[in-house]
C-alpha atoms as a PDB file:
ATOM      1  CA  MET A   1     234.977 -12.475 145.686  1.00  0.00           C
ATOM      2  CA  ARG A   2     235.209  -9.431 147.910  1.00  0.00           C
ATOM      3  CA  ASP A   3     234.513  -9.969 151.587  1.00  0.00           C
ATOM      4  CA  ALA A   4     231.893  -8.098 153.601  1.00  0.00           C
ATOM      5  CA  SER A   5     234.380  -5.650 155.062  1.00  0.00           C
ATOM      6  CA  GLY A   6     235.408  -4.468 151.576  1.00  0.00           C
ATOM      7  CA  LEU A   7     231.814  -3.821 150.560  1.00  0.00           C
ATOM      8  CA  ARG A   8     231.271  -1.911 153.779  1.00  0.00           C
ATOM      9  CA  ARG A   9     234.311   0.292 153.065  1.00  0.00           C
ATOM     10  CA  ASP A  10     233.010   1.043 149.526  1.00  0.00           C
ATOM     11  CA  ARG A  11     229.614   1.963 150.880  1.00  0.00           C
ATOM     12  CA  ASP A  12     231.125   4.198 153.531  1.00  0.00           C
ATOM     13  CA  GLY A  13     233.313   5.932 150.917  1.00  0.00           C
ATOM     14  CA  LEU A  14     230.331   6.561 148.613  1.00  0.00           C
ATOM     15  CA  THR A  15     228.381   7.980 151.514  1.00  0.00           C
ATOM     16  CA  ALA A  16     231.252  10.334 152.341  1.00  0.00           C
ATOM     17  CA  VAL A  17     231.406  11.577 148.730  1.00  0.00           C
ATOM     18  CA  ILE A  18     227.664  12.236 148.661  1.00  0.00           C
ATOM     19  CA  GLU A  19     227.822  14.090 151.959  1.00  0.00           C
ATOM     20  CA  PHE A  20     230.721  16.221 150.679  1.00  0.00           C
ATOM     21  CA  LEU A  21     228.917  17.127 147.466  1.00  0.00           C
ATOM     22  CA  SER A  22     225.764  18.010 149.395  1.00  0.00           C
ATOM     23  CA  ALA A  23     227.700  20.213 151.778  1.00  0.00           C
ATOM     24  CA  PHE A  24     229.561  21.908 148.890  1.00  0.00           C
ATOM     25  CA  THR A  25     226.300  22.554 147.044  1.00  0.00           C
ATOM     26  CA  LEU A  26     224.813  24.098 150.169  1.00  0.00           C
ATOM     27  CA  PHE A  27     227.924  26.263 150.541  1.00  0.00           C
ATOM     28  CA  LEU A  28     227.582  27.552 146.978  1.00  0.00           C
ATOM     29  CA  MET A  29     223.924  28.393 147.562  1.00  0.00           C
ATOM     30  CA  ILE A  30     224.753  30.326 150.719  1.00  0.00           C
ATOM     31  CA  LEU A  31     227.638  32.139 148.982  1.00  0.00           C
ATOM     32  CA  THR A  32     225.456  33.130 146.025  1.00  0.00           C
ATOM     33  CA  ALA A  33     222.761  34.468 148.336  1.00  0.00           C
ATOM     34  CA  PHE A  34     225.334  36.437 150.326  1.00  0.00           C
ATOM     35  CA  LEU A  35     226.819  38.024 147.215  1.00  0.00           C
ATOM     36  CA  ALA A  36     223.370  38.998 145.985  1.00  0.00           C
ATOM     37  CA  LEU A  37     222.458  40.546 149.326  1.00  0.00           C
ATOM     38  CA  ALA A  38     225.732  42.430 149.429  1.00  0.00           C
ATOM     39  CA  GLN A  39     225.031  43.694 145.863  1.00  0.00           C
ATOM     40  CA  MET A  40     228.501  42.777 144.773  1.00  0.00           C
ATOM     41  CA  GLN A  41     229.188  43.018 141.043  1.00  0.00           C
ATOM     42  CA  MET A  42     228.452  39.613 139.587  1.00  0.00           C
ATOM     43  CA  GLY A  43     227.544  39.249 135.925  1.00  0.00           C
ATOM     44  CA  SER A  44     224.492  41.378 135.027  1.00  0.00           C
ATOM     45  CA  ASN A  45     223.986  42.486 138.665  1.00  0.00           C
ATOM     46  CA  ASP A  46     226.222  45.506 138.144  1.00  0.00           C
ATOM     47  CA  PRO A  47     225.189  48.177 140.675  1.00  0.00           C
ATOM     48  CA  TYR A  48     226.204  50.969 138.261  1.00  0.00           C
ATOM     49  CA  LEU A  49     223.944  49.602 135.533  1.00  0.00           C
ATOM     50  CA  ASP A  50     221.235  49.180 138.144  1.00  0.00           C
ATOM     51  CA  ARG A  51     221.572  52.908 138.941  1.00  0.00           C
ATOM     52  CA  LEU A  52     221.074  53.770 135.276  1.00  0.00           C
ATOM     53  CA  ASP A  53     218.067  51.470 135.037  1.00  0.00           C
ATOM     54  CA  ARG A  54     216.494  52.898 138.184  1.00  0.00           C
ATOM     55  CA  SER A  55     217.155  56.461 137.004  1.00  0.00           C
ATOM     56  CA  ALA A  56     215.402  55.845 133.686  1.00  0.00           C
ATOM     57  CA  VAL A  57     212.420  54.094 135.273  1.00  0.00           C
ATOM     58  CA  LEU A  58     211.964  56.524 138.169  1.00  0.00           C
ATOM     59  CA  GLY A  59     212.533  59.549 135.929  1.00  0.00           C
ATOM     60  CA  LEU A  60     209.858  58.389 133.503  1.00  0.00           C
ATOM     61  CA  ASP A  61     207.498  57.598 136.381  1.00  0.00           C
ATOM     62  CA  ARG A  62     207.829  61.170 137.651  1.00  0.00           C
ATOM     63  CA  LEU A  63     207.381  62.645 134.175  1.00  0.00           C
ATOM     64  CA  VAL A  64     204.071  60.884 133.500  1.00  0.00           C
ATOM     65  CA  ALA A  65     202.758  60.623 137.071  1.00  0.00           C
ATOM     66  CA  ASP A  66     201.100  64.040 137.264  1.00  0.00           C
ATOM     67  CA  GLU A  67     201.084  67.624 135.977  1.00  0.00           C
ATOM     68  CA  GLY A  68     204.456  68.653 137.390  1.00  0.00           C
ATOM     69  CA  TRP A  69     205.530  71.450 139.703  1.00  0.00           C
ATOM     70  CA  PHE A  70     207.442  74.738 139.636  1.00  0.00           C
ATOM     71  CA  VAL A  71     209.061  76.554 142.556  1.00  0.00           C
ATOM     72  CA  PRO A  72     210.474  80.071 142.031  1.00  0.00           C
ATOM     73  CA  VAL A  73     213.833  80.919 143.545  1.00  0.00           C
ATOM     74  CA  VAL A  74     214.165  84.313 145.257  1.00  0.00           C
ATOM     75  CA  ASP A  75     217.584  85.529 146.408  1.00  0.00           C
ATOM     76  CA  GLY A  76     218.913  82.006 146.178  1.00  0.00           C
ATOM     77  CA  ASP A  77     216.148  80.455 148.284  1.00  0.00           C
ATOM     78  CA  ALA A  78     213.270  78.312 147.058  1.00  0.00           C
ATOM     79  CA  ASP A  79     209.955  80.138 147.457  1.00  0.00           C
ATOM     80  CA  VAL A  80     207.919  77.007 148.185  1.00  0.00           C
ATOM     81  CA  GLU A  81     204.815  78.946 149.237  1.00  0.00           C
ATOM     82  CA  ASN A  82     204.468  80.307 145.706  1.00  0.00           C
ATOM     83  CA  GLY A  83     205.031  76.955 144.020  1.00  0.00           C
ATOM     84  CA  THR A  84     202.549  76.003 141.320  1.00  0.00           C
ATOM     85  CA  HIS A  85     201.471  73.154 139.057  1.00  0.00           C
ATOM     86  CA  ALA A  86     201.195  75.688 136.190  1.00  0.00           C
ATOM     87  CA  TRP A  87     204.854  75.394 135.190  1.00  0.00           C
ATOM     88  CA  HIS A  88     203.804  75.273 131.540  1.00  0.00           C
ATOM     89  CA  GLU A  89     202.638  78.900 131.726  1.00  0.00           C
ATOM     90  CA  MET A  90     206.093  80.190 132.672  1.00  0.00           C
ATOM     91  CA  SER A  91     208.634  81.614 130.227  1.00  0.00           C
ATOM     92  CA  ALA A  92     211.917  79.869 129.545  1.00  0.00           C
ATOM     93  CA  GLU A  93     213.744  82.536 131.539  1.00  0.00           C
ATOM     94  CA  VAL A  94     211.508  82.125 134.601  1.00  0.00           C
ATOM     95  CA  LEU A  95     211.797  78.330 134.492  1.00  0.00           C
ATOM     96  CA  PHE A  96     215.574  78.547 134.243  1.00  0.00           C
ATOM     97  CA  ASP A  97     215.807  80.841 137.266  1.00  0.00           C
ATOM     98  CA  GLY A  98     213.593  78.537 139.360  1.00  0.00           C
ATOM     99  CA  ARG A  99     213.196  74.818 139.903  1.00  0.00           C
ATOM    100  CA  VAL A 100     210.900  72.838 137.657  1.00  0.00           C
ATOM    101  CA  ARG A 101     209.816  69.232 137.694  1.00  0.00           C
ATOM    102  CA  ALA A 102     208.216  68.729 134.329  1.00  0.00           C
ATOM    103  CA  GLY A 103     205.019  66.684 134.402  1.00  0.00           C
ATOM    104  CA  LEU A 104     202.916  65.860 131.355  1.00  0.00           C
ATOM    105  CA  VAL A 105     199.765  64.157 132.642  1.00  0.00           C
ATOM    106  CA  VAL A 106     196.577  65.827 133.860  1.00  0.00           C
ATOM    107  CA  ASP A 107     193.606  63.696 134.947  1.00  0.00           C
ATOM    108  CA  GLY A 108     195.246  60.604 133.503  1.00  0.00           C
ATOM    109  CA  LYS A 109     195.844  62.067 130.043  1.00  0.00           C
ATOM    110  CA  LEU A 110     198.860  63.624 128.343  1.00  0.00           C
ATOM    111  CA  ASP A 111     198.376  67.392 128.291  1.00  0.00           C
ATOM    112  CA  LEU A 112     199.344  69.056 125.005  1.00  0.00           C
ATOM    113  CA  HIS A 113     200.020  72.418 126.668  1.00  0.00           C
ATOM    114  CA  ARG A 114     202.591  70.854 128.972  1.00  0.00           C
ATOM    115  CA  LEU A 115     204.037  68.878 126.083  1.00  0.00           C
ATOM    116  CA  ALA A 116     204.558  72.132 124.154  1.00  0.00           C
ATOM    117  CA  ALA A 117     206.103  73.774 127.239  1.00  0.00           C
ATOM    118  CA  LEU A 118     209.006  71.298 127.271  1.00  0.00           C
ATOM    119  CA  ARG A 119     210.635  73.636 124.746  1.00  0.00           C
ATOM    120  CA  ASN A 120     211.124  76.171 127.536  1.00  0.00           C
ATOM    121  CA  VAL A 121     213.041  73.775 129.801  1.00  0.00           C
ATOM    122  CA  THR A 122     216.775  73.160 129.447  1.00  0.00           C
ATOM    123  CA  GLU A 123     218.024  69.587 129.414  1.00  0.00           C
ATOM    124  CA  GLN A 124     219.870  70.184 132.682  1.00  0.00           C
ATOM    125  CA  GLY A 125     216.799  71.659 134.363  1.00  0.00           C
ATOM    126  CA  PHE A 126     214.672  68.785 133.067  1.00  0.00           C
ATOM    127  CA  ALA A 127     217.069  66.149 134.433  1.00  0.00           C
ATOM    128  CA  GLU A 128     217.480  67.888 137.793  1.00  0.00           C
ATOM    129  CA  GLY A 129     213.724  68.172 138.185  1.00  0.00           C
ATOM    130  CA  LEU A 130     213.339  64.419 137.708  1.00  0.00           C
ATOM    131  CA  GLY A 131     215.935  63.823 140.406  1.00  0.00           C
ATOM    132  CA  LEU A 132     218.587  62.325 138.133  1.00  0.00           C
ATOM    133  CA  ASP A 133     222.242  62.162 139.114  1.00  0.00           C
ATOM    134  CA  ALA A 134     224.210  65.211 137.944  1.00  0.00           C
ATOM    135  CA  SER A 135     226.642  62.933 136.078  1.00  0.00           C
ATOM    136  CA  PHE A 136     223.858  61.526 133.881  1.00  0.00           C
ATOM    137  CA  ASP A 137     222.519  62.994 130.624  1.00  0.00           C
ATOM    138  CA  VAL A 138     219.061  62.377 129.207  1.00  0.00           C
ATOM    139  CA  HIS A 139     217.320  62.020 125.872  1.00  0.00           C
ATOM    140  CA  LEU A 140     213.541  62.285 125.657  1.00  0.00           C
ATOM    141  CA  ARG A 141     211.416  61.213 122.705  1.00  0.00           C
ATOM    142  CA  ILE A 142     207.628  61.316 122.472  1.00  0.00           C
ATOM    143  CA  ASP A 143     205.879  59.697 119.498  1.00  0.00           C
ATOM    144  CA  LEU A 144     202.258  59.914 118.425  1.00  0.00           C
ATOM    145  CA  LEU A 145     201.076  56.409 117.485  1.00  0.00           C
ATOM    146  CA  ASP A 146     198.597  55.475 114.779  1.00  0.00           C
ATOM    147  CA  GLY A 147     195.791  52.937 115.065  1.00  0.00           C
ATOM    148  CA  ASN A 148     198.217  50.066 114.493  1.00  0.00           C
ATOM    149  CA  GLY A 149     200.507  51.131 117.318  1.00  0.00           C
ATOM    150  CA  THR A 150     203.314  52.297 115.024  1.00  0.00           C
ATOM    151  CA  THR A 151     204.860  55.772 114.989  1.00  0.00           C
ATOM    152  CA  ASP A 152     202.772  58.324 113.118  1.00  0.00           C
ATOM    153  CA  ARG A 153     205.109  61.227 113.931  1.00  0.00           C
ATOM    154  CA  THR A 154     207.510  62.403 116.599  1.00  0.00           C
ATOM    155  CA  VAL A 155     206.012  65.274 118.588  1.00  0.00           C
ATOM    156  CA  PHE A 156     209.051  65.922 120.785  1.00  0.00           C
ATOM    157  CA  GLU A 157     212.703  64.916 120.746  1.00  0.00           C
ATOM    158  CA  GLY A 158     215.547  66.499 122.647  1.00  0.00           C
ATOM    159  CA  GLY A 159     218.514  65.940 124.892  1.00  0.00           C
ATOM    160  CA  THR A 160     221.928  64.352 124.741  1.00  0.00           C
ATOM    161  CA  THR A 161     222.597  61.710 122.111  1.00  0.00           C
ATOM    162  CA  ARG A 162     223.925  58.303 123.117  1.00  0.00           C
ATOM    163  CA  ILE A 163     227.042  58.789 120.952  1.00  0.00           C
ATOM    164  CA  GLY A 164     230.119  58.669 123.161  1.00  0.00           C
ATOM    165  CA  ALA A 165     228.339  57.146 126.159  1.00  0.00           C
ATOM    166  CA  GLU A 166     229.674  53.882 127.577  1.00  0.00           C
ATOM    167  CA  THR A 167     226.352  52.733 129.003  1.00  0.00           C
ATOM    168  CA  SER A 168     222.726  53.798 128.816  1.00  0.00           C
ATOM    169  CA  SER A 169     219.285  52.688 129.867  1.00  0.00           C
ATOM    170  CA  ARG A 170     215.863  53.368 128.392  1.00  0.00           C
ATOM    171  CA  ALA A 171     212.400  53.284 129.898  1.00  0.00           C
ATOM    172  CA  THR A 172     209.254  53.453 127.754  1.00  0.00           C
ATOM    173  CA  ARG A 173     205.631  54.026 128.633  1.00  0.00           C
ATOM    174  CA  LEU A 174     202.409  54.296 126.625  1.00  0.00           C
ATOM    175  CA  VAL A 175     200.343  57.316 127.680  1.00  0.00           C
ATOM    176  CA  VAL A 176     196.800  58.103 126.606  1.00  0.00           C
ATOM    177  CA  GLY A 177     196.065  61.562 125.237  1.00  0.00           C
ATOM    178  CA  GLU A 178     192.865  63.241 124.107  1.00  0.00           C
ATOM    179  CA  GLY A 179     191.754  60.740 121.463  1.00  0.00           C
ATOM    180  CA  ALA A 180     195.357  59.674 120.862  1.00  0.00           C
ATOM    181  CA  LEU A 181     198.038  57.319 122.151  1.00  0.00           C
ATOM    182  CA  TYR A 182     201.632  58.397 122.779  1.00  0.00           C
ATOM    183  CA  ARG A 183     204.840  56.496 123.411  1.00  0.00           C
ATOM    184  CA  VAL A 184     207.139  58.286 125.866  1.00  0.00           C
ATOM    185  CA  SER A 185     210.762  57.083 125.948  1.00  0.00           C
ATOM    186  CA  LEU A 186     213.342  58.382 128.418  1.00  0.00           C
ATOM    187  CA  GLU A 187     216.963  57.379 127.891  1.00  0.00           C
ATOM    188  CA  VAL A 188     219.644  57.990 130.531  1.00  0.00           C
ATOM    189  CA  HIS A 189     223.353  58.046 129.550  1.00  0.00           C
ATOM    190  CA  ASP A 190     226.648  58.329 131.339  1.00  0.00           C
ATOM    191  CA  GLY A 191     228.465  61.043 129.464  1.00  0.00           C
ATOM    192  CA  GLY A 192     226.963  61.083 125.993  1.00  0.00           C
ATOM    193  CA  ARG A 193     227.590  63.876 123.515  1.00  0.00           C
ATOM    194  CA  ALA A 194     225.865  66.959 124.860  1.00  0.00           C
ATOM    195  CA  SER A 195     223.797  68.996 122.466  1.00  0.00           C
ATOM    196  CA  SER A 196     225.182  72.427 121.557  1.00  0.00           C
ATOM    197  CA  VAL A 197     223.684  73.169 118.153  1.00  0.00           C
ATOM    198  CA  LEU A 198     222.540  76.679 117.237  1.00  0.00           C
ATOM    199  CA  HIS A 199     222.365  78.161 113.730  1.00  0.00           C
ATOM    200  CA  VAL A 200     222.543  81.754 112.520  1.00  0.00           C
ATOM    201  CA  THR A 201     219.806  81.816 109.891  1.00  0.00           C
ATOM    202  CA  GLU A 202     219.567  85.441 108.695  1.00  0.00           C
ATOM    203  CA  VAL A 203     221.679  88.607 108.854  1.00  0.00           C
ATOM    204  CA  GLN A 204     220.907  92.234 107.958  1.00  0.00           C
ATOM    205  CA  PRO A 205     224.032  94.422 107.986  1.00  0.00           C
ATOM    206  CA  HIS A 206     222.476  97.617 106.554  1.00  0.00           C
ATOM    207  CA  PRO A 207     218.786  98.190 107.375  1.00  0.00           C
ATOM    208  CA  ASP A 208     216.811 100.987 105.747  1.00  0.00           C
ATOM    209  CA  ASN A 209     216.053 104.272 107.492  1.00  0.00           C
ATOM    210  CA  GLY A 210     218.759 103.957 110.108  1.00  0.00           C
ATOM    211  CA  GLY A 211     217.233 100.878 111.709  1.00  0.00           C
ATOM    212  CA  PRO A 212     219.254  98.528 113.920  1.00  0.00           C
ATOM    213  CA  GLU A 213     221.623  95.897 112.579  1.00  0.00           C
ATOM    214  CA  TRP A 214     220.471  92.393 113.466  1.00  0.00           C
ATOM    215  CA  PHE A 215     220.877  88.683 112.986  1.00  0.00           C
ATOM    216  CA  GLU A 216     218.721  85.761 114.074  1.00  0.00           C
ATOM    217  CA  MET A 217     219.590  82.369 115.508  1.00  0.00           C
ATOM    218  CA  HIS A 218     217.605  79.125 115.439  1.00  0.00           C
ATOM    219  CA  ASN A 219     217.654  76.331 118.039  1.00  0.00           C
ATOM    220  CA  PRO A 220     216.842  73.035 116.262  1.00  0.00           C
ATOM    221  CA  GLU A 221     216.821  71.085 119.535  1.00  0.00           C
ATOM    222  CA  GLY A 222     213.719  70.108 121.486  1.00  0.00           C
ATOM    223  CA  PHE A 223     214.915  71.525 124.809  1.00  0.00           C
ATOM    224  CA  ALA A 224     215.964  75.119 125.432  1.00  0.00           C
ATOM    225  CA  VAL A 225     219.695  75.800 124.983  1.00  0.00           C
ATOM    226  CA  ARG A 226     221.700  78.176 127.160  1.00  0.00           C
ATOM    227  CA  LEU A 227     223.801  80.830 125.418  1.00  0.00           C
ATOM    228  CA  LEU A 228     226.579  80.611 128.002  1.00  0.00           C
ATOM    229  CA  GLY A 229     229.812  79.944 126.100  1.00  0.00           C
ATOM    230  CA  TRP A 230     228.557  81.139 122.703  1.00  0.00           C
ATOM    231  CA  SER A 231     230.418  84.096 121.205  1.00  0.00           C
ATOM    232  CA  PHE A 232     229.901  86.276 118.134  1.00  0.00           C
ATOM    233  CA  HIS A 233     232.634  87.957 116.091  1.00  0.00           C
ATOM    234  CA  VAL A 234     231.958  90.631 113.448  1.00  0.00           C
ATOM    235  CA  GLU A 235     234.918  90.923 111.076  1.00  0.00           C
ATOM    236  CA  ASP A 236     235.817  93.330 108.269  1.00  0.00           C
ATOM    237  CA  ALA A 237     239.075  94.027 106.463  1.00  0.00           C
ATOM    238  CA  ARG A 238     240.507  95.935 109.438  1.00  0.00           C
ATOM    239  CA  ASP A 239     238.913  94.995 112.745  1.00  0.00           C
ATOM    240  CA  THR A 240     237.147  92.266 114.676  1.00  0.00           C
ATOM    241  CA  THR A 241     234.434  93.082 117.205  1.00  0.00           C
ATOM    242  CA  SER A 242     233.557  90.257 119.597  1.00  0.00           C
ATOM    243  CA  HIS A 243     231.129  89.452 122.384  1.00  0.00           C
ATOM    244  CA  LEU A 244     230.887  86.391 124.657  1.00  0.00           C
ATOM    245  CA  MET A 245     227.416  85.501 125.926  1.00  0.00           C
ATOM    246  CA  LEU A 246     227.274  84.865 129.668  1.00  0.00           C
ATOM    247  CA  ASP A 247     223.536  84.388 130.071  1.00  0.00           C
ATOM    248  CA  GLY A 248     220.310  83.959 128.129  1.00  0.00           C
ATOM    249  CA  LEU A 249     218.809  80.984 126.323  1.00  0.00           C
ATOM    250  CA  ILE A 250     216.825  80.079 123.213  1.00  0.00           C
ATOM    251  CA  SER A 251     213.679  77.965 123.470  1.00  0.00           C
ATOM    252  CA  GLY A 252     213.599  74.594 121.771  1.00  0.00           C
ATOM    253  CA  GLY A 253     212.698  75.040 118.099  1.00  0.00           C
ATOM    254  CA  GLY A 254     212.719  78.790 118.649  1.00  0.00           C
ATOM    255  CA  VAL A 255     214.289  81.744 116.857  1.00  0.00           C
ATOM    256  CA  ALA A 256     216.097  84.508 118.746  1.00  0.00           C
ATOM    257  CA  VAL A 257     216.798  87.963 117.316  1.00  0.00           C
ATOM    258  CA  PHE A 258     220.041  89.736 118.259  1.00  0.00           C
ATOM    259  CA  THR A 259     219.772  93.455 117.569  1.00  0.00           C
ATOM    260  CA  GLY A 260     221.485  96.799 117.926  1.00  0.00           C
ATOM    261  CA  ASP A 261     218.356  98.341 119.494  1.00  0.00           C
ATOM    262  CA  VAL A 262     215.500  96.381 121.061  1.00  0.00           C
ATOM    263  CA  ASN A 263     213.208  99.413 121.131  1.00  0.00           C
ATOM    264  CA  THR A 264     213.001  99.826 117.344  1.00  0.00           C
ATOM    265  CA  GLN A 265     213.655  96.244 116.233  1.00  0.00           C
ATOM    266  CA  ALA A 266     210.941  94.287 114.413  1.00  0.00           C
ATOM    267  CA  THR A 267     210.917  90.812 115.962  1.00  0.00           C
ATOM    268  CA  GLY A 268     208.220  88.827 114.142  1.00  0.00           C
ATOM    269  CA  ASN A 269     207.634  85.521 115.927  1.00  0.00           C
ATOM    270  CA  ALA A 270     210.942  85.503 117.786  1.00  0.00           C
ATOM    271  CA  THR A 271     210.920  83.540 121.022  1.00  0.00           C
ATOM    272  CA  GLN A 272     213.703  85.691 122.521  1.00  0.00           C
ATOM    273  CA  VAL A 273     215.276  89.086 121.741  1.00  0.00           C
ATOM    274  CA  PHE A 274     218.764  90.170 122.845  1.00  0.00           C
ATOM    275  CA  ASP A 275     220.220  93.688 122.779  1.00  0.00           C
ATOM    276  CA  LEU A 276     223.827  93.559 121.555  1.00  0.00           C
ATOM    277  CA  GLY A 277     223.931  97.286 120.896  1.00  0.00           C
ATOM    278  CA  VAL A 278     224.712  97.903 124.560  1.00  0.00           C
ATOM    279  CA  VAL A 279     227.894  95.805 124.252  1.00  0.00           C
ATOM    280  CA  GLY A 280     228.940  97.363 120.929  1.00  0.00           C
ATOM    281  CA  LEU A 281     228.563  94.279 118.724  1.00  0.00           C
ATOM    282  CA  LEU A 282     225.663  95.626 116.639  1.00  0.00           C
ATOM    283  CA  GLY A 283     224.918  99.174 115.575  1.00  0.00           C
ATOM    284  CA  VAL A 284     221.913 101.388 114.950  1.00  0.00           C
ATOM    285  CA  GLY A 285     221.469 104.641 113.044  1.00  0.00           C
ATOM    286  CA  GLN A 286     224.867 106.219 112.374  1.00  0.00           C
ATOM    287  CA  ILE A 287     226.653 103.543 114.413  1.00  0.00           C
ATOM    288  CA  ASP A 288     227.810 101.014 111.830  1.00  0.00           C
ATOM    289  CA  VAL A 289     229.411  97.852 113.226  1.00  0.00           C
ATOM    290  CA  ILE A 290     228.575  95.132 110.695  1.00  0.00           C
ATOM    291  CA  PRO A 291     230.297  95.959 107.381  1.00  0.00           C
ATOM    292  CA  ASP A 292     227.848  96.519 104.525  1.00  0.00           C
ATOM    293  CA  ASP A 293     229.901  95.652 101.459  1.00  0.00           C
ATOM    294  CA  LYS A 294     232.210  92.840 102.584  1.00  0.00           C
ATOM    295  CA  GLY A 295     232.455  91.082 105.926  1.00  0.00           C
ATOM    296  CA  GLN A 296     231.641  88.052 107.988  1.00  0.00           C
ATOM    297  CA  LEU A 297     229.919  86.965 111.173  1.00  0.00           C
ATOM    298  CA  ARG A 298     231.693  84.125 112.979  1.00  0.00           C
ATOM    299  CA  VAL A 299     230.059  82.066 115.703  1.00  0.00           C
ATOM    300  CA  ASP A 300     232.194  80.192 118.256  1.00  0.00           C
ATOM    301  CA  TYR A 301     231.231  77.883 121.101  1.00  0.00           C
ATOM    302  CA  THR A 302     233.342  77.110 124.158  1.00  0.00           C
ATOM    303  CA  ASP A 303     232.532  73.736 125.695  1.00  0.00           C
ATOM    304  CA  PRO A 304     232.545  74.172 129.495  1.00  0.00           C
ATOM    305  CA  THR A 305     234.267  70.789 129.881  1.00  0.00           C
ATOM    306  CA  THR A 306     237.258  71.822 127.751  1.00  0.00           C
ATOM    307  CA  SER A 307     237.346  75.662 127.899  1.00  0.00           C
ATOM    308  CA  LEU A 308     238.546  75.613 124.292  1.00  0.00           C
ATOM    309  CA  PRO A 309     236.569  77.683 121.745  1.00  0.00           C
ATOM    310  CA  ALA A 310     235.620  76.083 118.439  1.00  0.00           C
ATOM    311  CA  THR A 311     234.149  77.821 115.400  1.00  0.00           C
ATOM    312  CA  ARG A 312     230.644  76.546 114.714  1.00  0.00           C
ATOM    313  CA  GLN A 313     229.633  78.756 111.807  1.00  0.00           C
ATOM    314  CA  THR A 314     230.865  81.550 109.548  1.00  0.00           C
ATOM    315  CA  VAL A 315     228.522  83.715 107.456  1.00  0.00           C
ATOM    316  CA  GLN A 316     230.239  85.711 104.685  1.00  0.00           C
ATOM    317  CA  TRP A 317     229.067  88.281 102.152  1.00  0.00           C
ATOM    318  CA  GLY A 318     230.565  90.589  99.533  1.00  0.00           C
ATOM    319  CA  GLY A 319     233.846  90.093  97.686  1.00  0.00           C
ATOM    320  CA  ASP A 320     234.019  86.866  95.689  1.00  0.00           C
ATOM    321  CA  THR A 321     231.110  85.222  97.549  1.00  0.00           C
ATOM    322  CA  GLY A 322     228.643  86.551  94.971  1.00  0.00           C
ATOM    323  CA  LEU A 323     226.384  87.640  97.842  1.00  0.00           C
ATOM    324  CA  LEU A 324     226.228  91.414  97.332  1.00  0.00           C
ATOM    325  CA  LEU A 325     224.006  93.304  99.749  1.00  0.00           C
ATOM    326  CA  GLY A 326     222.314  96.621  99.081  1.00  0.00           C
ATOM    327  CA  SER A 327     220.644  98.906 101.583  1.00  0.00           C
ATOM    328  CA  GLY A 328     217.786  97.058 103.286  1.00  0.00           C
ATOM    329  CA  ASP A 329     218.837  93.629 102.015  1.00  0.00           C
ATOM    330  CA  GLY A 330     219.172  90.585 104.229  1.00  0.00           C
ATOM    331  CA  LEU A 331     221.120  87.363 103.839  1.00  0.00           C
ATOM    332  CA  GLY A 332     219.178  84.175 104.618  1.00  0.00           C
ATOM    333  CA  TRP A 333     219.957  80.463 104.914  1.00  0.00           C
ATOM    334  CA  ASN A 334     217.795  77.913 103.079  1.00  0.00           C
ATOM    335  CA  GLY A 335     218.037  75.192 105.731  1.00  0.00           C
ATOM    336  CA  THR A 336     220.452  72.769 104.038  1.00  0.00           C
ATOM    337  CA  ASP A 337     224.236  72.556 104.602  1.00  0.00           C
ATOM    338  CA  ILE A 338     225.039  75.366 107.037  1.00  0.00           C
ATOM    339  CA  ARG A 339     228.729  75.381 106.048  1.00  0.00           C
ATOM    340  CA  ASP A 340     228.165  76.034 102.326  1.00  0.00           C
ATOM    341  CA  MET A 341     227.564  79.707 101.458  1.00  0.00           C
ATOM    342  CA  SER A 342     225.883  78.626  98.213  1.00  0.00           C
ATOM    343  CA  ASN A 343     222.930  77.731 100.451  1.00  0.00           C
ATOM    344  CA  TRP A 344     222.517  81.397 101.354  1.00  0.00           C
ATOM    345  CA  ALA A 345     220.653  83.986  99.306  1.00  0.00           C
ATOM    346  CA  VAL A 346     220.140  87.753  99.302  1.00  0.00           C
ATOM    347  CA  SER A 347     216.598  88.877 100.110  1.00  0.00           C
ATOM    348  CA  SER A 348     215.071  92.313  99.666  1.00  0.00           C
ATOM    349  CA  THR A 349     212.427  91.446 102.271  1.00  0.00           C
ATOM    350  CA  PRO A 350     214.244  90.151 105.358  1.00  0.00           C
ATOM    351  CA  SER A 351     212.029  88.786 108.125  1.00  0.00           C
ATOM    352  CA  PRO A 352     213.554  88.913 111.616  1.00  0.00           C
ATOM    353  CA  GLY A 353     212.143  86.233 113.904  1.00  0.00           C
ATOM    354  CA  ASP A 354     210.204  84.430 111.172  1.00  0.00           C
ATOM    355  CA  TRP A 355     212.774  82.020 109.716  1.00  0.00           C
ATOM    356  CA  THR A 356     211.382  78.715 108.458  1.00  0.00           C
ATOM    357  CA  PRO A 357     213.668  76.112 106.839  1.00  0.00           C
ATOM    358  CA  LEU A 358     212.899  75.040 103.280  1.00  0.00           C
ATOM    359  CA  ILE A 359     214.435  71.681 104.190  1.00  0.00           C
ATOM    360  CA  GLU A 360     214.701  70.386 107.751  1.00  0.00           C
ATOM    361  CA  ALA A 361     218.272  70.864 108.962  1.00  0.00           C
END
């Protein structure tokens, strides 16, 4: 049998082990608390992901907190004294030249006028107004819900897609409207694929009675799109006439008319009108720039991050295309595959500024 001294040694050893484990456990607790306080990256507590999450939540809070605010900029300085909540009454051009924080809620309800005015705000201006980091892109979607809480239809969608982004975060809020319920979702990305989609939808090379040459362009996006970096090239068998756009924008869902003479141009329901006669790209009267019988209009876009132009669209007529234009005829797209000229047709009644797709592009 073991003597008393041996039992005492065993008891002392067990006590020492217990004390060590207790001290080690306390050390781990203190270390974990320290790391959390120091916000060191540890599992899901990634400070970068936290920034994305906070940006999405705070951005959405600002969007649905009130009616928003607009401050004009005069000679590079913010004219705060003339700031106004009525940002939704401003044109796309005025909003772009100033500073806008879009807000959608008036007296606790989503305001349809402000919802419609989102089309006049660029994605960049929208994100800056919400105070988001310049390195982040956004995507906004607003759905009208039915009585069961499911999506009845999407009333707004625009911004950068998540494709190509490494990380993203989304915040969602239900907002009451006038007799309706909306779901507002704001997604924040780190370098997704920026939207740069514009479509030439109709061209008229040879108007009747010496009228101006023109073509129209549609913006299928929800937000307004800047024309900076877009270029147009009119080509015939001998020459190419080109022009690079340095300013201007097209409202979300809008149609812009580019003409050889703004003073005599019919514009229909165009959201914007641009005079390209002054730069020699389009003609009027005896000045014939777009070829009548055979030619093409090429559209290029230069991504500011690469500075490399890429052809986005080519519209062709005459020759073996089967699209033969007479005086006064226009050439219109039906809204399907933009790259296939079989989806274009000659019209004897062109309608500048009034293009409506037969099928949603």
